[in-house]
Structures are given as C-alpha cells and as structure tokens.
Amino acid sequence: RGVPVEPARPGANYADGLVVAVRGGAPADPAVPAD
C-alpha cells in the first residue's frame, strides 16, 4: 500500500502491528501435494 517493506529484526516486538498473510500468485492447487 505504497509503504516500503522492511525485514524483521530478531527479538524486536511487532505485537502492535496488524498481522497480514499475503496470498501471492501461487496456484490454488500446488504441484506439491499436501501430504
């Protein structure tokens, strides 16, 4: 959303942030099976 993304620093507290999982462009039926 227009804001640069930075990598995480070990031990830092990011609890105040909203956790958002990004789906990406991978297919819904991956080539590698679930098992």
PDB file of all heavy atoms in Angstrom:
ATOM      1  N   ARG A   1       0.824  -1.202   0.000  1.00  0.00           N
ATOM      2  CA  ARG A   1       0.000   0.000   0.000  1.00  0.00           C
ATOM      3  C   ARG A   1       0.863   1.259   0.000  1.00  0.00           C
ATOM      4  O   ARG A   1       0.610   2.232   0.725  1.00  0.00           O
ATOM      5  CB  ARG A   1      -0.967   0.008   1.177  1.00  0.00           C
ATOM      6  CG  ARG A   1      -2.007  -1.112   1.097  1.00  0.00           C
ATOM      7  CD  ARG A   1      -3.086  -0.974   2.142  1.00  0.00           C
ATOM      8  NE  ARG A   1      -4.099  -2.003   1.986  1.00  0.00           N
ATOM      9  CZ  ARG A   1      -5.169  -2.139   2.768  1.00  0.00           C
ATOM     10  NH1 ARG A   1      -5.363  -1.286   3.774  1.00  0.00           N
ATOM     11  NH2 ARG A   1      -6.051  -3.102   2.550  1.00  0.00           N
ATOM     12  N   GLY A   2       1.903   1.194  -0.824  1.00  0.00           N
ATOM     13  CA  GLY A   2       2.759   2.363  -1.006  1.00  0.00           C
ATOM     14  C   GLY A   2       3.828   2.544   0.042  1.00  0.00           C
ATOM     15  O   GLY A   2       4.653   3.469  -0.066  1.00  0.00           O
ATOM     16  N   VAL A   3       3.886   1.676   1.053  1.00  0.00           N
ATOM     17  CA  VAL A   3       4.883   1.794   2.121  1.00  0.00           C
ATOM     18  C   VAL A   3       5.961   0.732   1.925  1.00  0.00           C
ATOM     19  O   VAL A   3       5.629  -0.450   1.771  1.00  0.00           O
ATOM     20  CB  VAL A   3       4.224   1.631   3.508  1.00  0.00           C
ATOM     21  CG1 VAL A   3       5.271   1.697   4.610  1.00  0.00           C
ATOM     22  CG2 VAL A   3       3.167   2.694   3.715  1.00  0.00           C
ATOM     23  N   PRO A   4       7.250   1.103   1.905  1.00  0.00           N
ATOM     24  CA  PRO A   4       8.320   0.108   1.737  1.00  0.00           C
ATOM     25  C   PRO A   4       8.268  -0.952   2.837  1.00  0.00           C
ATOM     26  O   PRO A   4       8.017  -0.644   4.007  1.00  0.00           O
ATOM     27  CB  PRO A   4       9.600   0.942   1.826  1.00  0.00           C
ATOM     28  CG  PRO A   4       9.173   2.335   1.476  1.00  0.00           C
ATOM     29  CD  PRO A   4       7.770   2.473   1.998  1.00  0.00           C
ATOM     30  N   VAL A   5       8.509  -2.205   2.449  1.00  0.00           N
ATOM     31  CA  VAL A   5       8.508  -3.317   3.401  1.00  0.00           C
ATOM     32  C   VAL A   5       9.936  -3.559   3.880  1.00  0.00           C
ATOM     33  O   VAL A   5      10.874  -3.611   3.073  1.00  0.00           O
ATOM     34  CB  VAL A   5       7.937  -4.594   2.756  1.00  0.00           C
ATOM     35  CG1 VAL A   5       8.008  -5.771   3.735  1.00  0.00           C
ATOM     36  CG2 VAL A   5       6.496  -4.360   2.317  1.00  0.00           C
ATOM     37  N   GLU A   6      10.117  -3.718   5.177  1.00  0.00           N
ATOM     38  CA  GLU A   6      11.444  -3.965   5.755  1.00  0.00           C
ATOM     39  C   GLU A   6      11.492  -5.357   6.376  1.00  0.00           C
ATOM     40  O   GLU A   6      10.462  -5.868   6.843  1.00  0.00           O
ATOM     41  CB  GLU A   6      11.772  -2.917   6.813  1.00  0.00           C
ATOM     42  CG  GLU A   6      10.773  -2.878   7.971  1.00  0.00           C
ATOM     43  CD  GLU A   6      11.034  -1.741   8.938  1.00  0.00           C
ATOM     44  OE1 GLU A   6      10.574  -0.613   8.650  1.00  0.00           O
ATOM     45  OE2 GLU A   6      11.700  -1.995   9.979  1.00  0.00           O
ATOM     46  N   PRO A   7      12.648  -6.013   6.366  1.00  0.00           N
ATOM     47  CA  PRO A   7      12.761  -7.328   7.018  1.00  0.00           C
ATOM     48  C   PRO A   7      12.709  -7.183   8.535  1.00  0.00           C
ATOM     49  O   PRO A   7      12.920  -6.094   9.084  1.00  0.00           O
ATOM     50  CB  PRO A   7      14.128  -7.835   6.546  1.00  0.00           C
ATOM     51  CG  PRO A   7      14.890  -6.603   6.208  1.00  0.00           C
ATOM     52  CD  PRO A   7      13.893  -5.596   5.711  1.00  0.00           C
ATOM     53  N   ALA A   8      12.441  -8.279   9.218  1.00  0.00           N
ATOM     54  CA  ALA A   8      12.286  -8.258  10.671  1.00  0.00           C
ATOM     55  C   ALA A   8      13.627  -8.332  11.377  1.00  0.00           C
ATOM     56  O   ALA A   8      14.582  -8.949  10.883  1.00  0.00           O
ATOM     57  CB  ALA A   8      11.406  -9.418  11.115  1.00  0.00           C
ATOM     58  N   ARG A   9      13.685  -7.728  12.537  1.00  0.00           N
ATOM     59  CA  ARG A   9      14.874  -7.793  13.377  1.00  0.00           C
ATOM     60  C   ARG A   9      14.620  -8.782  14.508  1.00  0.00           C
ATOM     61  O   ARG A   9      13.605  -8.661  15.214  1.00  0.00           O
ATOM     62  CB  ARG A   9      15.201  -6.412  13.943  1.00  0.00           C
ATOM     63  CG  ARG A   9      16.472  -6.369  14.796  1.00  0.00           C
ATOM     64  CD  ARG A   9      16.867  -4.925  15.078  1.00  0.00           C
ATOM     65  NE  ARG A   9      15.806  -4.178  15.717  1.00  0.00           N
ATOM     66  CZ  ARG A   9      15.581  -4.182  17.044  1.00  0.00           C
ATOM     67  NH1 ARG A   9      16.335  -4.920  17.847  1.00  0.00           N
ATOM     68  NH2 ARG A   9      14.596  -3.464  17.541  1.00  0.00           N
ATOM     69  N   PRO A  10      15.477  -9.805  14.679  1.00  0.00           N
ATOM     70  CA  PRO A  10      15.245 -10.803  15.732  1.00  0.00           C
ATOM     71  C   PRO A  10      15.098 -10.156  17.104  1.00  0.00           C
ATOM     72  O   PRO A  10      15.848  -9.246  17.462  1.00  0.00           O
ATOM     73  CB  PRO A  10      16.507 -11.671  15.676  1.00  0.00           C
ATOM     74  CG  PRO A  10      17.008 -11.502  14.284  1.00  0.00           C
ATOM     75  CD  PRO A  10      16.693 -10.084  13.907  1.00  0.00           C
ATOM     76  N   GLY A  11      14.105 -10.589  17.836  1.00  0.00           N
ATOM     77  CA  GLY A  11      13.889 -10.077  19.181  1.00  0.00           C
ATOM     78  C   GLY A  11      13.060  -8.819  19.245  1.00  0.00           C
ATOM     79  O   GLY A  11      12.637  -8.410  20.334  1.00  0.00           O
ATOM     80  N   ALA A  12      12.813  -8.177  18.100  1.00  0.00           N
ATOM     81  CA  ALA A  12      12.016  -6.950  18.116  1.00  0.00           C
ATOM     82  C   ALA A  12      10.557  -7.270  18.402  1.00  0.00           C
ATOM     83  O   ALA A  12      10.065  -8.354  18.073  1.00  0.00           O
ATOM     84  CB  ALA A  12      12.154  -6.224  16.785  1.00  0.00           C
ATOM     85  N   ASN A  13       9.869  -6.317  19.002  1.00  0.00           N
ATOM     86  CA  ASN A  13       8.461  -6.506  19.355  1.00  0.00           C
ATOM     87  C   ASN A  13       7.579  -5.873  18.284  1.00  0.00           C
ATOM     88  O   ASN A  13       7.536  -4.647  18.140  1.00  0.00           O
ATOM     89  CB  ASN A  13       8.177  -5.872  20.718  1.00  0.00           C
ATOM     90  CG  ASN A  13       6.771  -6.164  21.214  1.00  0.00           C
ATOM     91  OD1 ASN A  13       5.961  -6.761  20.506  1.00  0.00           O
ATOM     92  ND2 ASN A  13       6.478  -5.750  22.438  1.00  0.00           N
ATOM     93  N   TYR A  14       6.873  -6.726  17.539  1.00  0.00           N
ATOM     94  CA  TYR A  14       5.982  -6.242  16.492  1.00  0.00           C
ATOM     95  C   TYR A  14       4.518  -6.524  16.844  1.00  0.00           C
ATOM     96  O   TYR A  14       3.665  -6.581  15.964  1.00  0.00           O
ATOM     97  CB  TYR A  14       6.334  -6.910  15.160  1.00  0.00           C
ATOM     98  CG  TYR A  14       7.743  -6.620  14.687  1.00  0.00           C
ATOM     99  CD1 TYR A  14       8.689  -7.646  14.580  1.00  0.00           C
ATOM    100  CD2 TYR A  14       8.127  -5.334  14.350  1.00  0.00           C
ATOM    101  CE1 TYR A  14       9.970  -7.382  14.146  1.00  0.00           C
ATOM    102  CE2 TYR A  14       9.417  -5.059  13.906  1.00  0.00           C
ATOM    103  CZ  TYR A  14      10.339  -6.091  13.821  1.00  0.00           C
ATOM    104  OH  TYR A  14      11.621  -5.811  13.386  1.00  0.00           O
ATOM    105  N   ALA A  15       4.249  -6.664  18.141  1.00  0.00           N
ATOM    106  CA  ALA A  15       2.910  -7.051  18.577  1.00  0.00           C
ATOM    107  C   ALA A  15       1.859  -5.995  18.253  1.00  0.00           C
ATOM    108  O   ALA A  15       0.671  -6.317  18.118  1.00  0.00           O
ATOM    109  CB  ALA A  15       2.913  -7.337  20.078  1.00  0.00           C
ATOM    110  N   ASP A  16       2.262  -4.727  18.115  1.00  0.00           N
ATOM    111  CA  ASP A  16       1.287  -3.676  17.835  1.00  0.00           C
ATOM    112  C   ASP A  16       0.853  -3.658  16.374  1.00  0.00           C
ATOM    113  O   ASP A  16      -0.123  -2.980  16.024  1.00  0.00           O
ATOM    114  CB  ASP A  16       1.870  -2.305  18.197  1.00  0.00           C
ATOM    115  CG  ASP A  16       2.034  -2.133  19.703  1.00  0.00           C
ATOM    116  OD1 ASP A  16       1.345  -2.856  20.446  1.00  0.00           O
ATOM    117  OD2 ASP A  16       2.850  -1.295  20.117  1.00  0.00           O
ATOM    118  N   GLY A  17       1.549  -4.382  15.522  1.00  0.00           N
ATOM    119  CA  GLY A  17       1.205  -4.386  14.111  1.00  0.00           C
ATOM    120  C   GLY A  17       0.071  -5.349  13.796  1.00  0.00           C
ATOM    121  O   GLY A  17      -0.147  -6.350  14.496  1.00  0.00           O
ATOM    122  N   LEU A  18      -0.668  -5.053  12.760  1.00  0.00           N
ATOM    123  CA  LEU A  18      -1.713  -5.954  12.280  1.00  0.00           C
ATOM    124  C   LEU A  18      -1.064  -7.037  11.430  1.00  0.00           C
ATOM    125  O   LEU A  18      -0.376  -6.742  10.444  1.00  0.00           O
ATOM    126  CB  LEU A  18      -2.732  -5.179  11.438  1.00  0.00           C
ATOM    127  CG  LEU A  18      -3.821  -6.008  10.751  1.00  0.00           C
ATOM    128  CD1 LEU A  18      -4.735  -6.653  11.785  1.00  0.00           C
ATOM    129  CD2 LEU A  18      -4.619  -5.150   9.776  1.00  0.00           C
ATOM    130  N   VAL A  19      -1.249  -8.301  11.801  1.00  0.00           N
ATOM    131  CA  VAL A  19      -0.644  -9.410  11.066  1.00  0.00           C
ATOM    132  C   VAL A  19      -1.475  -9.688   9.813  1.00  0.00           C
ATOM    133  O   VAL A  19      -2.679  -9.957   9.904  1.00  0.00           O
ATOM    134  CB  VAL A  19      -0.551 -10.676  11.949  1.00  0.00           C
ATOM    135  CG1 VAL A  19       0.009 -11.851  11.154  1.00  0.00           C
ATOM    136  CG2 VAL A  19       0.326 -10.399  13.170  1.00  0.00           C
ATOM    137  N   VAL A  20      -0.809  -9.616   8.672  1.00  0.00           N
ATOM    138  CA  VAL A  20      -1.475  -9.809   7.392  1.00  0.00           C
ATOM    139  C   VAL A  20      -0.729 -10.880   6.601  1.00  0.00           C
ATOM    140  O   VAL A  20       0.469 -10.732   6.334  1.00  0.00           O
ATOM    141  CB  VAL A  20      -1.516  -8.502   6.573  1.00  0.00           C
ATOM    142  CG1 VAL A  20      -2.135  -8.754   5.198  1.00  0.00           C
ATOM    143  CG2 VAL A  20      -2.283  -7.428   7.326  1.00  0.00           C
ATOM    144  N   ALA A  21      -1.414 -11.967   6.252  1.00  0.00           N
ATOM    145  CA  ALA A  21      -0.830 -13.010   5.402  1.00  0.00           C
ATOM    146  C   ALA A  21      -1.117 -12.657   3.942  1.00  0.00           C
ATOM    147  O   ALA A  21      -2.261 -12.356   3.587  1.00  0.00           O
ATOM    148  CB  ALA A  21      -1.416 -14.372   5.756  1.00  0.00           C
ATOM    149  N   VAL A  22      -0.078 -12.708   3.114  1.00  0.00           N
ATOM    150  CA  VAL A  22      -0.196 -12.334   1.711  1.00  0.00           C
ATOM    151  C   VAL A  22      -0.276 -13.602   0.871  1.00  0.00           C
ATOM    152  O   VAL A  22       0.670 -14.404   0.865  1.00  0.00           O
ATOM    153  CB  VAL A  22       0.996 -11.469   1.274  1.00  0.00           C
ATOM    154  CG1 VAL A  22       0.872 -11.086  -0.201  1.00  0.00           C
ATOM    155  CG2 VAL A  22       1.096 -10.224   2.150  1.00  0.00           C
ATOM    156  N   ARG A  23      -1.365 -13.767   0.153  1.00  0.00           N
ATOM    157  CA  ARG A  23      -1.575 -14.990  -0.599  1.00  0.00           C
ATOM    158  C   ARG A  23      -0.568 -15.159  -1.732  1.00  0.00           C
ATOM    159  O   ARG A  23      -0.050 -16.235  -1.973  1.00  0.00           O
ATOM    160  CB  ARG A  23      -3.006 -15.044  -1.169  1.00  0.00           C
ATOM    161  CG  ARG A  23      -3.318 -16.393  -1.797  1.00  0.00           C
ATOM    162  CD  ARG A  23      -4.584 -16.368  -2.617  1.00  0.00           C
ATOM    163  NE  ARG A  23      -4.902 -17.693  -3.117  1.00  0.00           N
ATOM    164  CZ  ARG A  23      -4.266 -18.296  -4.110  1.00  0.00           C
ATOM    165  NH1 ARG A  23      -3.254 -17.686  -4.720  1.00  0.00           N
ATOM    166  NH2 ARG A  23      -4.602 -19.519  -4.487  1.00  0.00           N
ATOM    167  N   GLY A  24      -0.289 -14.112  -2.459  1.00  0.00           N
ATOM    168  CA  GLY A  24       0.623 -14.205  -3.588  1.00  0.00           C
ATOM    169  C   GLY A  24      -0.061 -14.803  -4.812  1.00  0.00           C
ATOM    170  O   GLY A  24      -1.276 -15.017  -4.836  1.00  0.00           O
ATOM    171  N   GLY A  25       0.751 -15.104  -5.824  1.00  0.00           N
ATOM    172  CA  GLY A  25       0.197 -15.590  -7.086  1.00  0.00           C
ATOM    173  C   GLY A  25       0.292 -17.078  -7.298  1.00  0.00           C
ATOM    174  O   GLY A  25       0.109 -17.555  -8.426  1.00  0.00           O
ATOM    175  N   ALA A  26       0.578 -17.850  -6.253  1.00  0.00           N
ATOM    176  CA  ALA A  26       0.696 -19.304  -6.397  1.00  0.00           C
ATOM    177  C   ALA A  26      -0.662 -19.917  -6.728  1.00  0.00           C
ATOM    178  O   ALA A  26      -1.708 -19.406  -6.305  1.00  0.00           O
ATOM    179  CB  ALA A  26       1.247 -19.929  -5.126  1.00  0.00           C
ATOM    180  N   PRO A  27      -0.683 -21.027  -7.472  1.00  0.00           N
ATOM    181  CA  PRO A  27      -1.966 -21.661  -7.819  1.00  0.00           C
ATOM    182  C   PRO A  27      -2.663 -22.231  -6.593  1.00  0.00           C
ATOM    183  O   PRO A  27      -2.024 -22.599  -5.605  1.00  0.00           O
ATOM    184  CB  PRO A  27      -1.552 -22.772  -8.788  1.00  0.00           C
ATOM    185  CG  PRO A  27      -0.119 -23.069  -8.448  1.00  0.00           C
ATOM    186  CD  PRO A  27       0.474 -21.751  -8.043  1.00  0.00           C
ATOM    187  N   ALA A  28      -3.982 -22.301  -6.666  1.00  0.00           N
ATOM    188  CA  ALA A  28      -4.758 -22.856  -5.553  1.00  0.00           C
ATOM    189  C   ALA A  28      -4.490 -24.345  -5.375  1.00  0.00           C
ATOM    190  O   ALA A  28      -4.641 -24.886  -4.273  1.00  0.00           O
ATOM    191  CB  ALA A  28      -6.249 -22.613  -5.785  1.00  0.00           C
ATOM    192  N   ASP A  29      -4.103 -25.028  -6.457  1.00  0.00           N
ATOM    193  CA  ASP A  29      -3.781 -26.459  -6.412  1.00  0.00           C
ATOM    194  C   ASP A  29      -2.291 -26.622  -6.697  1.00  0.00           C
ATOM    195  O   ASP A  29      -1.878 -26.802  -7.847  1.00  0.00           O
ATOM    196  CB  ASP A  29      -4.612 -27.215  -7.450  1.00  0.00           C
ATOM    197  CG  ASP A  29      -4.426 -28.725  -7.347  1.00  0.00           C
ATOM    198  OD1 ASP A  29      -3.933 -29.186  -6.297  1.00  0.00           O
ATOM    199  OD2 ASP A  29      -4.751 -29.437  -8.319  1.00  0.00           O
ATOM    200  N   PRO A  30      -1.437 -26.553  -5.675  1.00  0.00           N
ATOM    201  CA  PRO A  30       0.009 -26.601  -5.895  1.00  0.00           C
ATOM    202  C   PRO A  30       0.466 -27.919  -6.508  1.00  0.00           C
ATOM    203  O   PRO A  30      -0.198 -28.960  -6.368  1.00  0.00           O
ATOM    204  CB  PRO A  30       0.586 -26.428  -4.483  1.00  0.00           C
ATOM    205  CG  PRO A  30      -0.524 -25.842  -3.676  1.00  0.00           C
ATOM    206  CD  PRO A  30      -1.785 -26.389  -4.257  1.00  0.00           C
ATOM    207  N   ALA A  31       1.628 -27.880  -7.147  1.00  0.00           N
ATOM    208  CA  ALA A  31       2.194 -29.091  -7.745  1.00  0.00           C
ATOM    209  C   ALA A  31       2.628 -30.086  -6.668  1.00  0.00           C
ATOM    210  O   ALA A  31       2.619 -31.300  -6.897  1.00  0.00           O
ATOM    211  CB  ALA A  31       3.384 -28.728  -8.635  1.00  0.00           C
ATOM    212  N   VAL A  32       3.015 -29.595  -5.505  1.00  0.00           N
ATOM    213  CA  VAL A  32       3.446 -30.453  -4.397  1.00  0.00           C
ATOM    214  C   VAL A  32       2.224 -30.758  -3.519  1.00  0.00           C
ATOM    215  O   VAL A  32       1.619 -29.846  -2.951  1.00  0.00           O
ATOM    216  CB  VAL A  32       4.540 -29.771  -3.565  1.00  0.00           C
ATOM    217  CG1 VAL A  32       4.944 -30.664  -2.380  1.00  0.00           C
ATOM    218  CG2 VAL A  32       5.758 -29.463  -4.427  1.00  0.00           C
ATOM    219  N   PRO A  33       1.827 -32.042  -3.368  1.00  0.00           N
ATOM    220  CA  PRO A  33       0.624 -32.392  -2.598  1.00  0.00           C
ATOM    221  C   PRO A  33       0.746 -32.055  -1.119  1.00  0.00           C
ATOM    222  O   PRO A  33       1.850 -31.899  -0.584  1.00  0.00           O
ATOM    223  CB  PRO A  33       0.506 -33.907  -2.811  1.00  0.00           C
ATOM    224  CG  PRO A  33       1.358 -34.219  -3.991  1.00  0.00           C
ATOM    225  CD  PRO A  33       2.455 -33.204  -3.996  1.00  0.00           C
ATOM    226  N   ALA A  34      -0.389 -31.968  -0.463  1.00  0.00           N
ATOM    227  CA  ALA A  34      -0.426 -31.578   0.949  1.00  0.00           C
ATOM    228  C   ALA A  34       0.316 -32.554   1.841  1.00  0.00           C
ATOM    229  O   ALA A  34       0.975 -32.152   2.811  1.00  0.00           O
ATOM    230  CB  ALA A  34      -1.877 -31.429   1.408  1.00  0.00           C
ATOM    231  N   ASP A  35       0.227 -33.870   1.555  1.00  0.00           N
ATOM    232  CA  ASP A  35       0.881 -34.831   2.447  1.00  0.00           C
ATOM    233  C   ASP A  35       2.392 -34.817   2.312  1.00  0.00           C
ATOM    234  O   ASP A  35       3.091 -35.419   3.133  1.00  0.00           O
ATOM    235  CB  ASP A  35       0.341 -36.248   2.228  1.00  0.00           C
ATOM    236  CG  ASP A  35       0.614 -36.773   0.837  1.00  0.00           C
ATOM    237  OD1 ASP A  35       0.249 -36.085  -0.136  1.00  0.00           O
ATOM    238  OD2 ASP A  35       1.184 -37.876   0.690  1.00  0.00           O
TER     239      ASP A  35
END
